[in-house]
Amino acid sequence: MSILSLDAPTHWRNRYLLMRHGHSQANQQGVIVSSPARGLTDFGLSSLGEEQLAERVAHWQWPPPTRVVHSDFLRTTQTAARVAVAFALTPSVDTRLRERHFGELEGQGDDRYPRIWTLDAHDADHQHHGVEAVSAVASRMQAVMEDWEQRVSGETILLVSHGDPLQILLTALAGRPLSQHREQVALMPASITSVGA
């Protein structure tokens, strides 16, 4: 698989809008929800998240998307649906955009994240506590973009995913060591980062 790079924009056939889901019930409760068993059906958007999306859509500052592709977790599905309706699009699911799985930390407080990020900084391939390796997240996220680059051109594709996967993806696209993904500017709920053509 060829590697897309932010340093070589002339190689991009499409523009990508990387969107983190709106503020969720998991954010509100300060709990880690990274497994499909809980994330697909529970912990959707909070009332704040709904407000964020209404504001985002009402004051859209990016090229209008021609496609909306999202993680199948409830919070990303709801986020994608709000944007898709605004642009009269039908969203589609790609499970490769799912949250990074945090293994044994599932259901624990989000104050446990820094423990894993410290391990990430030393080894992007580690799977301590059953956590999905940063390198694995980067591979599946980049594969989504590679597939679209091969299928279409001249489109604006909104990819709705989660904080950690998107920061890891942006680190990979910048050609930086994946172990440095937490040095990437934190992506706020409902934020959008534009990359590509």
N, C-alpha and C. Protein backbone atom coordinates (compact mmCIF):
# COMPACT_ATOMS: atom_id res chain seq x y z
N MET A 1 0.85 -1.19 0.00
CA MET A 1 0.00 0.00 0.00
C MET A 1 0.88 1.24 0.00
N SER A 2 0.63 2.14 -0.94
CA SER A 2 1.37 3.40 -0.95
C SER A 2 0.89 4.26 0.22
N ILE A 3 1.76 5.14 0.67
CA ILE A 3 1.42 5.96 1.83
C ILE A 3 1.08 7.37 1.39
N LEU A 4 -0.12 7.81 1.71
CA LEU A 4 -0.51 9.19 1.43
C LEU A 4 0.29 10.10 2.35
N SER A 5 0.58 11.28 1.88
CA SER A 5 1.37 12.20 2.69
C SER A 5 0.84 13.62 2.55
N LEU A 6 0.79 14.31 3.68
CA LEU A 6 0.40 15.72 3.64
C LEU A 6 1.45 16.56 2.92
N ASP A 7 2.67 16.03 2.83
CA ASP A 7 3.76 16.77 2.20
C ASP A 7 3.72 16.70 0.68
N ALA A 8 2.82 15.88 0.14
CA ALA A 8 2.75 15.73 -1.31
C ALA A 8 1.30 15.88 -1.79
N PRO A 9 0.70 17.07 -1.59
CA PRO A 9 -0.71 17.26 -1.91
C PRO A 9 -1.06 17.04 -3.37
N THR A 10 -0.07 17.17 -4.29
CA THR A 10 -0.37 16.97 -5.71
C THR A 10 -0.71 15.52 -6.01
N HIS A 11 -0.43 14.62 -5.09
CA HIS A 11 -0.72 13.20 -5.30
C HIS A 11 -2.15 12.84 -4.91
N TRP A 12 -2.85 13.75 -4.28
CA TRP A 12 -4.20 13.45 -3.82
C TRP A 12 -5.21 13.62 -4.95
N ARG A 13 -6.12 12.70 -5.06
CA ARG A 13 -7.18 12.80 -6.06
C ARG A 13 -8.46 13.40 -5.47
N ASN A 14 -8.58 13.35 -4.15
CA ASN A 14 -9.78 13.84 -3.47
C ASN A 14 -9.39 14.71 -2.28
N ARG A 15 -10.37 15.46 -1.79
CA ARG A 15 -10.22 16.18 -0.53
C ARG A 15 -10.92 15.36 0.55
N TYR A 16 -10.31 15.33 1.72
CA TYR A 16 -10.90 14.59 2.85
C TYR A 16 -11.15 15.54 4.01
N LEU A 17 -12.33 15.46 4.55
CA LEU A 17 -12.67 16.21 5.76
C LEU A 17 -12.72 15.17 6.89
N LEU A 18 -11.76 15.28 7.79
CA LEU A 18 -11.66 14.33 8.90
C LEU A 18 -12.40 14.91 10.10
N MET A 19 -13.48 14.28 10.47
CA MET A 19 -14.34 14.82 11.53
C MET A 19 -14.40 13.90 12.73
N ARG A 20 -14.15 14.49 13.88
CA ARG A 20 -14.37 13.75 15.12
C ARG A 20 -15.85 13.89 15.49
N HIS A 21 -16.43 12.82 16.00
CA HIS A 21 -17.83 12.85 16.41
C HIS A 21 -18.08 13.98 17.41
N GLY A 22 -19.33 14.39 17.52
CA GLY A 22 -19.70 15.39 18.51
C GLY A 22 -19.55 14.87 19.93
N HIS A 23 -19.61 15.78 20.88
CA HIS A 23 -19.51 15.42 22.30
C HIS A 23 -20.50 14.30 22.59
N SER A 24 -20.00 13.25 23.22
CA SER A 24 -20.81 12.04 23.42
C SER A 24 -21.15 11.81 24.89
N GLN A 25 -22.02 10.85 25.11
CA GLN A 25 -22.36 10.47 26.48
C GLN A 25 -21.16 9.86 27.18
N ALA A 26 -20.27 9.21 26.41
CA ALA A 26 -19.04 8.67 27.00
C ALA A 26 -18.15 9.82 27.47
N ASN A 27 -18.04 10.87 26.65
CA ASN A 27 -17.29 12.06 27.06
C ASN A 27 -17.91 12.66 28.33
N GLN A 28 -19.22 12.75 28.31
CA GLN A 28 -19.95 13.36 29.42
C GLN A 28 -19.72 12.59 30.73
N GLN A 29 -19.69 11.26 30.63
CA GLN A 29 -19.53 10.42 31.81
C GLN A 29 -18.07 10.14 32.15
N GLY A 30 -17.15 10.56 31.27
CA GLY A 30 -15.72 10.33 31.52
C GLY A 30 -15.35 8.87 31.52
N VAL A 31 -15.94 8.11 30.59
CA VAL A 31 -15.71 6.67 30.55
C VAL A 31 -15.19 6.26 29.17
N ILE A 32 -14.36 5.23 29.15
CA ILE A 32 -13.80 4.70 27.91
C ILE A 32 -14.79 3.72 27.29
N VAL A 33 -15.25 4.03 26.08
CA VAL A 33 -16.16 3.17 25.35
C VAL A 33 -15.52 2.92 23.99
N SER A 34 -14.82 1.80 23.88
CA SER A 34 -14.06 1.51 22.67
C SER A 34 -14.39 0.17 22.04
N SER A 35 -15.25 -0.61 22.67
CA SER A 35 -15.58 -1.93 22.13
C SER A 35 -16.90 -1.85 21.36
N PRO A 36 -16.98 -2.56 20.24
CA PRO A 36 -18.24 -2.59 19.49
C PRO A 36 -19.40 -3.07 20.35
N ALA A 37 -19.14 -3.97 21.28
CA ALA A 37 -20.20 -4.52 22.12
C ALA A 37 -20.99 -3.42 22.83
N ARG A 38 -20.30 -2.34 23.20
CA ARG A 38 -20.98 -1.24 23.89
C ARG A 38 -21.14 -0.01 23.00
N GLY A 39 -20.18 0.19 22.11
CA GLY A 39 -20.18 1.42 21.32
C GLY A 39 -21.16 1.47 20.17
N LEU A 40 -21.58 0.31 19.67
CA LEU A 40 -22.48 0.30 18.52
C LEU A 40 -23.90 0.72 18.89
N THR A 41 -24.32 0.41 20.09
CA THR A 41 -25.72 0.64 20.46
C THR A 41 -25.91 1.65 21.59
N ASP A 42 -24.85 1.98 22.30
CA ASP A 42 -24.98 2.88 23.44
C ASP A 42 -23.96 4.03 23.36
N PHE A 43 -24.11 4.98 24.25
CA PHE A 43 -23.17 6.11 24.37
C PHE A 43 -23.14 6.95 23.09
N GLY A 44 -24.32 7.36 22.68
CA GLY A 44 -24.43 8.25 21.53
C GLY A 44 -24.10 9.68 21.90
N LEU A 45 -24.56 10.62 21.11
CA LEU A 45 -24.27 12.02 21.34
C LEU A 45 -24.96 12.53 22.61
N SER A 46 -24.29 13.42 23.29
CA SER A 46 -24.89 14.12 24.43
C SER A 46 -25.69 15.30 23.89
N SER A 47 -26.41 15.98 24.77
CA SER A 47 -27.14 17.17 24.32
C SER A 47 -26.17 18.23 23.82
N LEU A 48 -25.01 18.32 24.46
CA LEU A 48 -23.98 19.25 23.99
C LEU A 48 -23.52 18.87 22.59
N GLY A 49 -23.35 17.57 22.35
CA GLY A 49 -22.94 17.11 21.03
C GLY A 49 -23.96 17.46 19.97
N GLU A 50 -25.24 17.33 20.30
CA GLU A 50 -26.29 17.70 19.35
C GLU A 50 -26.22 19.19 19.03
N GLU A 51 -25.96 19.99 20.05
CA GLU A 51 -25.84 21.44 19.85
C GLU A 51 -24.62 21.76 18.97
N GLN A 52 -23.53 21.08 19.23
CA GLN A 52 -22.32 21.30 18.43
C GLN A 52 -22.57 21.02 16.96
N LEU A 53 -23.27 19.94 16.68
CA LEU A 53 -23.52 19.57 15.28
C LEU A 53 -24.48 20.53 14.61
N ALA A 54 -25.49 20.98 15.34
CA ALA A 54 -26.41 21.96 14.78
C ALA A 54 -25.64 23.23 14.39
N GLU A 55 -24.73 23.64 15.27
CA GLU A 55 -23.91 24.82 15.01
C GLU A 55 -22.95 24.58 13.84
N ARG A 56 -22.34 23.41 13.80
CA ARG A 56 -21.38 23.08 12.74
C ARG A 56 -22.05 23.11 11.37
N VAL A 57 -23.22 22.50 11.30
CA VAL A 57 -23.93 22.44 10.02
C VAL A 57 -24.45 23.81 9.61
N ALA A 58 -24.94 24.59 10.57
CA ALA A 58 -25.49 25.91 10.26
C ALA A 58 -24.41 26.88 9.78
N HIS A 59 -23.19 26.67 10.23
CA HIS A 59 -22.09 27.58 9.87
C HIS A 59 -20.95 26.79 9.22
N TRP A 60 -21.28 25.99 8.23
CA TRP A 60 -20.32 25.13 7.55
C TRP A 60 -19.24 25.97 6.87
N GLN A 61 -17.98 25.67 7.13
CA GLN A 61 -16.87 26.49 6.61
C GLN A 61 -15.96 25.74 5.64
N TRP A 62 -16.38 24.56 5.21
CA TRP A 62 -15.56 23.72 4.36
C TRP A 62 -16.30 23.46 3.05
N PRO A 63 -15.61 22.92 2.05
CA PRO A 63 -16.33 22.53 0.84
C PRO A 63 -17.43 21.54 1.20
N PRO A 64 -18.56 21.61 0.55
CA PRO A 64 -19.63 20.66 0.87
C PRO A 64 -19.20 19.24 0.53
N PRO A 65 -19.44 18.30 1.43
CA PRO A 65 -19.06 16.92 1.14
C PRO A 65 -19.91 16.31 0.03
N THR A 66 -19.29 15.43 -0.72
CA THR A 66 -20.02 14.68 -1.74
C THR A 66 -20.29 13.26 -1.26
N ARG A 67 -19.57 12.85 -0.21
CA ARG A 67 -19.79 11.55 0.41
C ARG A 67 -19.56 11.69 1.92
N VAL A 68 -20.30 10.90 2.69
CA VAL A 68 -20.12 10.84 4.14
C VAL A 68 -19.90 9.38 4.51
N VAL A 69 -18.73 9.09 5.10
CA VAL A 69 -18.37 7.74 5.49
C VAL A 69 -18.04 7.76 6.98
N HIS A 70 -18.50 6.77 7.73
CA HIS A 70 -18.35 6.86 9.18
C HIS A 70 -18.12 5.52 9.86
N SER A 71 -17.55 5.60 11.04
CA SER A 71 -17.47 4.47 11.97
C SER A 71 -18.88 4.07 12.34
N ASP A 72 -19.07 2.78 12.63
CA ASP A 72 -20.41 2.31 12.97
C ASP A 72 -20.78 2.46 14.44
N PHE A 73 -19.93 3.09 15.24
CA PHE A 73 -20.29 3.36 16.63
C PHE A 73 -21.47 4.35 16.63
N LEU A 74 -22.27 4.30 17.68
CA LEU A 74 -23.47 5.13 17.72
C LEU A 74 -23.14 6.61 17.63
N ARG A 75 -22.12 7.05 18.34
CA ARG A 75 -21.79 8.48 18.36
C ARG A 75 -21.33 9.00 17.00
N THR A 76 -20.62 8.18 16.25
CA THR A 76 -20.18 8.59 14.92
C THR A 76 -21.32 8.46 13.90
N THR A 77 -22.14 7.44 14.07
CA THR A 77 -23.29 7.26 13.19
C THR A 77 -24.24 8.44 13.30
N GLN A 78 -24.50 8.88 14.53
CA GLN A 78 -25.39 10.02 14.74
C GLN A 78 -24.77 11.31 14.19
N THR A 79 -23.47 11.46 14.37
CA THR A 79 -22.78 12.65 13.84
C THR A 79 -22.88 12.68 12.32
N ALA A 80 -22.55 11.55 11.69
CA ALA A 80 -22.59 11.46 10.23
C ALA A 80 -24.00 11.73 9.71
N ALA A 81 -25.00 11.22 10.40
CA ALA A 81 -26.37 11.40 9.95
C ALA A 81 -26.77 12.87 9.93
N ARG A 82 -26.34 13.62 10.95
CA ARG A 82 -26.69 15.04 11.02
C ARG A 82 -26.10 15.80 9.83
N VAL A 83 -24.85 15.50 9.50
CA VAL A 83 -24.20 16.19 8.39
C VAL A 83 -24.79 15.72 7.06
N ALA A 84 -25.00 14.43 6.93
CA ALA A 84 -25.53 13.89 5.67
C ALA A 84 -26.89 14.50 5.32
N VAL A 85 -27.75 14.63 6.31
CA VAL A 85 -29.07 15.22 6.07
C VAL A 85 -28.93 16.64 5.55
N ALA A 86 -28.01 17.39 6.11
CA ALA A 86 -27.81 18.78 5.72
C ALA A 86 -27.39 18.92 4.25
N PHE A 87 -26.70 17.90 3.75
CA PHE A 87 -26.21 17.97 2.37
C PHE A 87 -26.92 16.96 1.45
N ALA A 88 -28.04 16.43 1.91
CA ALA A 88 -28.85 15.50 1.13
C ALA A 88 -28.04 14.31 0.63
N LEU A 89 -27.24 13.75 1.53
CA LEU A 89 -26.41 12.60 1.20
C LEU A 89 -26.85 11.38 2.01
N THR A 90 -26.49 10.21 1.52
CA THR A 90 -26.73 8.98 2.25
C THR A 90 -25.40 8.50 2.83
N PRO A 91 -25.27 8.49 4.15
CA PRO A 91 -24.00 8.08 4.75
C PRO A 91 -23.75 6.58 4.58
N SER A 92 -22.48 6.21 4.58
CA SER A 92 -22.12 4.80 4.49
C SER A 92 -21.14 4.44 5.60
N VAL A 93 -21.18 3.19 6.03
CA VAL A 93 -20.36 2.72 7.15
C VAL A 93 -19.06 2.11 6.64
N ASP A 94 -17.97 2.40 7.36
CA ASP A 94 -16.71 1.69 7.16
C ASP A 94 -16.18 1.37 8.55
N THR A 95 -16.17 0.08 8.91
CA THR A 95 -15.78 -0.31 10.26
C THR A 95 -14.31 -0.02 10.56
N ARG A 96 -13.51 0.24 9.52
CA ARG A 96 -12.11 0.57 9.74
C ARG A 96 -11.94 1.94 10.40
N LEU A 97 -13.02 2.73 10.43
CA LEU A 97 -12.98 4.04 11.07
C LEU A 97 -13.36 3.98 12.55
N ARG A 98 -13.51 2.78 13.07
CA ARG A 98 -13.91 2.62 14.48
C ARG A 98 -12.90 3.22 15.46
N GLU A 99 -13.37 3.38 16.68
CA GLU A 99 -12.52 3.81 17.79
C GLU A 99 -11.37 2.82 17.97
N ARG A 100 -10.26 3.32 18.44
CA ARG A 100 -9.16 2.45 18.84
C ARG A 100 -9.64 1.62 20.03
N HIS A 101 -9.39 0.31 19.98
CA HIS A 101 -9.84 -0.53 21.09
C HIS A 101 -8.85 -0.45 22.25
N PHE A 102 -9.38 -0.16 23.43
CA PHE A 102 -8.53 0.02 24.60
C PHE A 102 -8.52 -1.18 25.55
N GLY A 103 -8.89 -2.33 25.03
CA GLY A 103 -8.70 -3.58 25.76
C GLY A 103 -9.24 -3.59 27.18
N GLU A 104 -8.35 -3.88 28.12
CA GLU A 104 -8.75 -4.02 29.53
C GLU A 104 -9.25 -2.71 30.14
N LEU A 105 -8.99 -1.60 29.48
CA LEU A 105 -9.43 -0.31 30.01
C LEU A 105 -10.89 0.00 29.66
N GLU A 106 -11.50 -0.85 28.84
CA GLU A 106 -12.89 -0.66 28.45
C GLU A 106 -13.77 -0.48 29.68
N GLY A 107 -14.58 0.58 29.67
CA GLY A 107 -15.50 0.85 30.76
C GLY A 107 -14.89 1.58 31.94
N GLN A 108 -13.58 1.76 31.94
CA GLN A 108 -12.93 2.47 33.03
C GLN A 108 -12.93 3.98 32.75
N GLY A 109 -12.47 4.74 33.71
CA GLY A 109 -12.45 6.18 33.59
C GLY A 109 -11.47 6.65 32.51
N ASP A 110 -11.81 7.76 31.84
CA ASP A 110 -10.93 8.25 30.78
C ASP A 110 -9.63 8.86 31.32
N ASP A 111 -9.48 8.88 32.63
CA ASP A 111 -8.21 9.29 33.21
C ASP A 111 -7.15 8.21 33.03
N ARG A 112 -7.53 7.07 32.48
CA ARG A 112 -6.59 5.98 32.20
C ARG A 112 -5.89 6.15 30.85
N TYR A 113 -6.43 6.99 29.99
CA TYR A 113 -5.82 7.18 28.67
C TYR A 113 -4.34 7.54 28.74
N PRO A 114 -3.92 8.50 29.59
CA PRO A 114 -2.50 8.89 29.60
C PRO A 114 -1.54 7.74 29.86
N ARG A 115 -1.99 6.73 30.62
CA ARG A 115 -1.14 5.57 30.87
C ARG A 115 -0.79 4.87 29.55
N ILE A 116 -1.79 4.74 28.68
CA ILE A 116 -1.57 4.09 27.38
C ILE A 116 -0.76 4.99 26.46
N TRP A 117 -1.06 6.28 26.47
CA TRP A 117 -0.33 7.21 25.60
C TRP A 117 1.15 7.26 25.96
N THR A 118 1.47 7.10 27.23
CA THR A 118 2.88 7.04 27.64
C THR A 118 3.56 5.81 27.03
N LEU A 119 2.86 4.69 27.04
CA LEU A 119 3.39 3.49 26.42
C LEU A 119 3.52 3.67 24.90
N ASP A 120 2.53 4.35 24.30
CA ASP A 120 2.58 4.62 22.86
C ASP A 120 3.84 5.38 22.48
N ALA A 121 4.22 6.33 23.33
CA ALA A 121 5.37 7.19 23.03
C ALA A 121 6.67 6.41 22.96
N HIS A 122 6.69 5.23 23.55
CA HIS A 122 7.89 4.39 23.54
C HIS A 122 7.83 3.31 22.48
N ASP A 123 6.59 2.91 22.09
CA ASP A 123 6.47 1.81 21.15
C ASP A 123 5.10 1.83 20.47
N ALA A 124 5.08 2.19 19.20
CA ALA A 124 3.82 2.29 18.46
C ALA A 124 3.22 0.93 18.15
N ASP A 125 3.96 -0.13 18.44
CA ASP A 125 3.46 -1.49 18.18
C ASP A 125 2.97 -2.19 19.44
N HIS A 126 3.06 -1.53 20.59
CA HIS A 126 2.72 -2.23 21.84
C HIS A 126 1.22 -2.54 21.90
N GLN A 127 0.93 -3.62 22.64
CA GLN A 127 -0.46 -4.02 22.87
C GLN A 127 -0.69 -4.32 24.35
N HIS A 128 -0.01 -3.57 25.20
CA HIS A 128 -0.18 -3.76 26.64
C HIS A 128 -1.64 -3.56 27.03
N HIS A 129 -2.10 -4.34 27.99
CA HIS A 129 -3.47 -4.28 28.49
C HIS A 129 -4.48 -4.63 27.39
N GLY A 130 -4.03 -5.29 26.32
CA GLY A 130 -4.94 -5.67 25.25
C GLY A 130 -5.35 -4.52 24.35
N VAL A 131 -4.59 -3.43 24.40
CA VAL A 131 -4.91 -2.25 23.62
C VAL A 131 -4.50 -2.46 22.16
N GLU A 132 -5.29 -1.93 21.24
CA GLU A 132 -4.95 -1.99 19.82
C GLU A 132 -3.72 -1.13 19.56
N ALA A 133 -2.74 -1.69 18.87
CA ALA A 133 -1.49 -0.97 18.60
C ALA A 133 -1.74 0.26 17.73
N VAL A 134 -0.99 1.31 18.01
CA VAL A 134 -1.07 2.53 17.21
C VAL A 134 -0.82 2.22 15.74
N SER A 135 0.16 1.36 15.48
CA SER A 135 0.50 1.02 14.09
C SER A 135 -0.67 0.34 13.38
N ALA A 136 -1.42 -0.47 14.11
CA ALA A 136 -2.58 -1.14 13.52
C ALA A 136 -3.68 -0.13 13.19
N VAL A 137 -3.88 0.83 14.10
CA VAL A 137 -4.88 1.87 13.87
C VAL A 137 -4.49 2.68 12.63
N ALA A 138 -3.23 3.06 12.53
CA ALA A 138 -2.75 3.84 11.39
C ALA A 138 -2.99 3.08 10.09
N SER A 139 -2.71 1.80 10.08
CA SER A 139 -2.86 0.99 8.86
C SER A 139 -4.31 0.96 8.39
N ARG A 140 -5.25 0.72 9.32
CA ARG A 140 -6.64 0.61 8.89
C ARG A 140 -7.22 1.97 8.49
N MET A 141 -6.80 3.04 9.16
CA MET A 141 -7.29 4.36 8.82
C MET A 141 -6.75 4.79 7.45
N GLN A 142 -5.46 4.56 7.20
CA GLN A 142 -4.89 4.92 5.91
C GLN A 142 -5.48 4.08 4.78
N ALA A 143 -5.83 2.84 5.09
CA ALA A 143 -6.41 1.97 4.07
C ALA A 143 -7.75 2.52 3.57
N VAL A 144 -8.51 3.15 4.45
CA VAL A 144 -9.78 3.76 4.04
C VAL A 144 -9.52 4.82 2.98
N MET A 145 -8.56 5.68 3.23
CA MET A 145 -8.26 6.75 2.29
C MET A 145 -7.66 6.20 1.00
N GLU A 146 -6.80 5.22 1.11
CA GLU A 146 -6.21 4.61 -0.08
C GLU A 146 -7.30 4.02 -0.97
N ASP A 147 -8.28 3.38 -0.37
CA ASP A 147 -9.37 2.79 -1.15
C ASP A 147 -10.15 3.86 -1.92
N TRP A 148 -10.44 4.97 -1.25
CA TRP A 148 -11.16 6.04 -1.93
C TRP A 148 -10.31 6.68 -3.01
N GLU A 149 -9.02 6.80 -2.78
CA GLU A 149 -8.13 7.37 -3.79
C GLU A 149 -8.13 6.51 -5.06
N GLN A 150 -8.30 5.23 -4.90
CA GLN A 150 -8.30 4.33 -6.05
C GLN A 150 -9.66 4.27 -6.74
N ARG A 151 -10.72 4.60 -6.00
CA ARG A 151 -12.08 4.43 -6.54
C ARG A 151 -12.62 5.67 -7.24
N VAL A 152 -12.33 6.86 -6.69
CA VAL A 152 -12.93 8.09 -7.22
C VAL A 152 -11.90 9.22 -7.25
N SER A 153 -12.27 10.30 -7.91
CA SER A 153 -11.41 11.49 -7.91
C SER A 153 -12.28 12.73 -7.96
N GLY A 154 -11.73 13.82 -7.46
CA GLY A 154 -12.44 15.10 -7.48
C GLY A 154 -13.58 15.21 -6.49
N GLU A 155 -13.60 14.36 -5.49
CA GLU A 155 -14.68 14.39 -4.52
C GLU A 155 -14.21 14.97 -3.18
N THR A 156 -15.17 15.35 -2.38
CA THR A 156 -14.90 15.79 -1.01
C THR A 156 -15.56 14.79 -0.08
N ILE A 157 -14.73 14.01 0.59
CA ILE A 157 -15.22 12.87 1.37
C ILE A 157 -15.08 13.16 2.86
N LEU A 158 -16.19 13.20 3.54
CA LEU A 158 -16.19 13.41 4.99
C LEU A 158 -16.03 12.06 5.67
N LEU A 159 -14.96 11.90 6.45
CA LEU A 159 -14.72 10.67 7.21
C LEU A 159 -14.98 10.98 8.68
N VAL A 160 -15.97 10.36 9.26
CA VAL A 160 -16.35 10.62 10.65
C VAL A 160 -15.81 9.49 11.52
N SER A 161 -14.91 9.84 12.42
CA SER A 161 -14.25 8.84 13.25
C SER A 161 -14.11 9.36 14.68
N HIS A 162 -13.06 8.93 15.35
CA HIS A 162 -12.86 9.19 16.78
C HIS A 162 -11.52 9.88 17.02
N GLY A 163 -11.38 10.45 18.20
CA GLY A 163 -10.20 11.26 18.50
C GLY A 163 -8.87 10.58 18.29
N ASP A 164 -8.64 9.45 18.96
CA ASP A 164 -7.35 8.77 18.85
C ASP A 164 -7.05 8.32 17.42
N PRO A 165 -7.97 7.63 16.76
CA PRO A 165 -7.69 7.20 15.38
C PRO A 165 -7.38 8.36 14.44
N LEU A 166 -8.08 9.47 14.59
CA LEU A 166 -7.84 10.61 13.71
C LEU A 166 -6.49 11.26 13.99
N GLN A 167 -6.11 11.36 15.26
CA GLN A 167 -4.80 11.92 15.57
C GLN A 167 -3.68 11.02 15.07
N ILE A 168 -3.89 9.72 15.17
CA ILE A 168 -2.91 8.76 14.66
C ILE A 168 -2.82 8.88 13.14
N LEU A 169 -3.97 9.00 12.47
CA LEU A 169 -3.98 9.15 11.02
C LEU A 169 -3.25 10.41 10.59
N LEU A 170 -3.52 11.52 11.25
CA LEU A 170 -2.87 12.78 10.88
C LEU A 170 -1.36 12.71 11.10
N THR A 171 -0.95 12.00 12.14
CA THR A 171 0.48 11.82 12.39
C THR A 171 1.12 11.02 11.26
N ALA A 172 0.43 9.96 10.83
CA ALA A 172 0.93 9.14 9.73
C ALA A 172 1.01 9.95 8.43
N LEU A 173 -0.03 10.73 8.16
CA LEU A 173 -0.07 11.51 6.93
C LEU A 173 1.02 12.57 6.90
N ALA A 174 1.41 13.05 8.08
CA ALA A 174 2.47 14.05 8.17
C ALA A 174 3.86 13.43 8.08
N GLY A 175 3.90 12.09 8.02
CA GLY A 175 5.18 11.41 7.92
C GLY A 175 5.98 11.41 9.21
N ARG A 176 5.29 11.60 10.32
CA ARG A 176 5.97 11.62 11.61
C ARG A 176 5.90 10.25 12.26
N PRO A 177 6.82 9.94 13.19
CA PRO A 177 6.75 8.66 13.89
C PRO A 177 5.40 8.52 14.60
N LEU A 178 4.79 7.36 14.47
CA LEU A 178 3.47 7.14 15.07
C LEU A 178 3.51 7.26 16.59
N SER A 179 4.68 7.03 17.17
CA SER A 179 4.83 7.17 18.63
C SER A 179 4.59 8.60 19.08
N GLN A 180 4.57 9.55 18.14
CA GLN A 180 4.38 10.96 18.49
C GLN A 180 2.94 11.44 18.30
N HIS A 181 2.01 10.50 18.18
CA HIS A 181 0.64 10.92 17.85
C HIS A 181 0.02 11.84 18.89
N ARG A 182 0.44 11.76 20.13
CA ARG A 182 -0.14 12.65 21.13
C ARG A 182 0.47 14.04 21.07
N GLU A 183 1.48 14.24 20.25
CA GLU A 183 2.03 15.58 20.04
C GLU A 183 1.20 16.34 19.01
N GLN A 184 0.35 15.61 18.32
CA GLN A 184 -0.58 16.23 17.37
C GLN A 184 -1.58 17.05 18.18
N VAL A 185 -1.97 18.21 17.63
CA VAL A 185 -2.94 19.05 18.33
C VAL A 185 -4.21 18.23 18.58
N ALA A 186 -4.69 18.26 19.80
CA ALA A 186 -5.88 17.48 20.16
C ALA A 186 -7.08 17.90 19.32
N LEU A 187 -7.83 16.91 18.86
CA LEU A 187 -9.03 17.17 18.07
C LEU A 187 -10.24 17.25 19.00
N MET A 188 -10.89 18.38 18.95
CA MET A 188 -12.05 18.58 19.82
C MET A 188 -13.30 17.91 19.22
N PRO A 189 -14.28 17.57 20.05
CA PRO A 189 -15.51 16.99 19.52
C PRO A 189 -16.13 17.87 18.44
N ALA A 190 -16.58 17.24 17.37
CA ALA A 190 -17.21 17.89 16.22
C ALA A 190 -16.24 18.74 15.39
N SER A 191 -14.95 18.62 15.66
CA SER A 191 -13.97 19.38 14.86
C SER A 191 -13.76 18.71 13.51
N ILE A 192 -13.34 19.52 12.54
CA ILE A 192 -13.10 19.03 11.18
C ILE A 192 -11.71 19.50 10.74
N THR A 193 -10.93 18.58 10.19
CA THR A 193 -9.61 18.88 9.65
C THR A 193 -9.62 18.50 8.17
N SER A 194 -9.26 19.45 7.32
CA SER A 194 -9.27 19.21 5.88
C SER A 194 -7.88 18.81 5.39
N VAL A 195 -7.80 17.74 4.62
CA VAL A 195 -6.53 17.31 4.01
C VAL A 195 -6.79 16.90 2.57
N GLY A 196 -5.76 16.93 1.77
CA GLY A 196 -5.86 16.45 0.40
C GLY A 196 -6.03 17.57 -0.61
N ALA A 197 -6.58 17.21 -1.75
CA ALA A 197 -6.66 18.10 -2.91
C ALA A 197 -7.37 19.41 -2.59
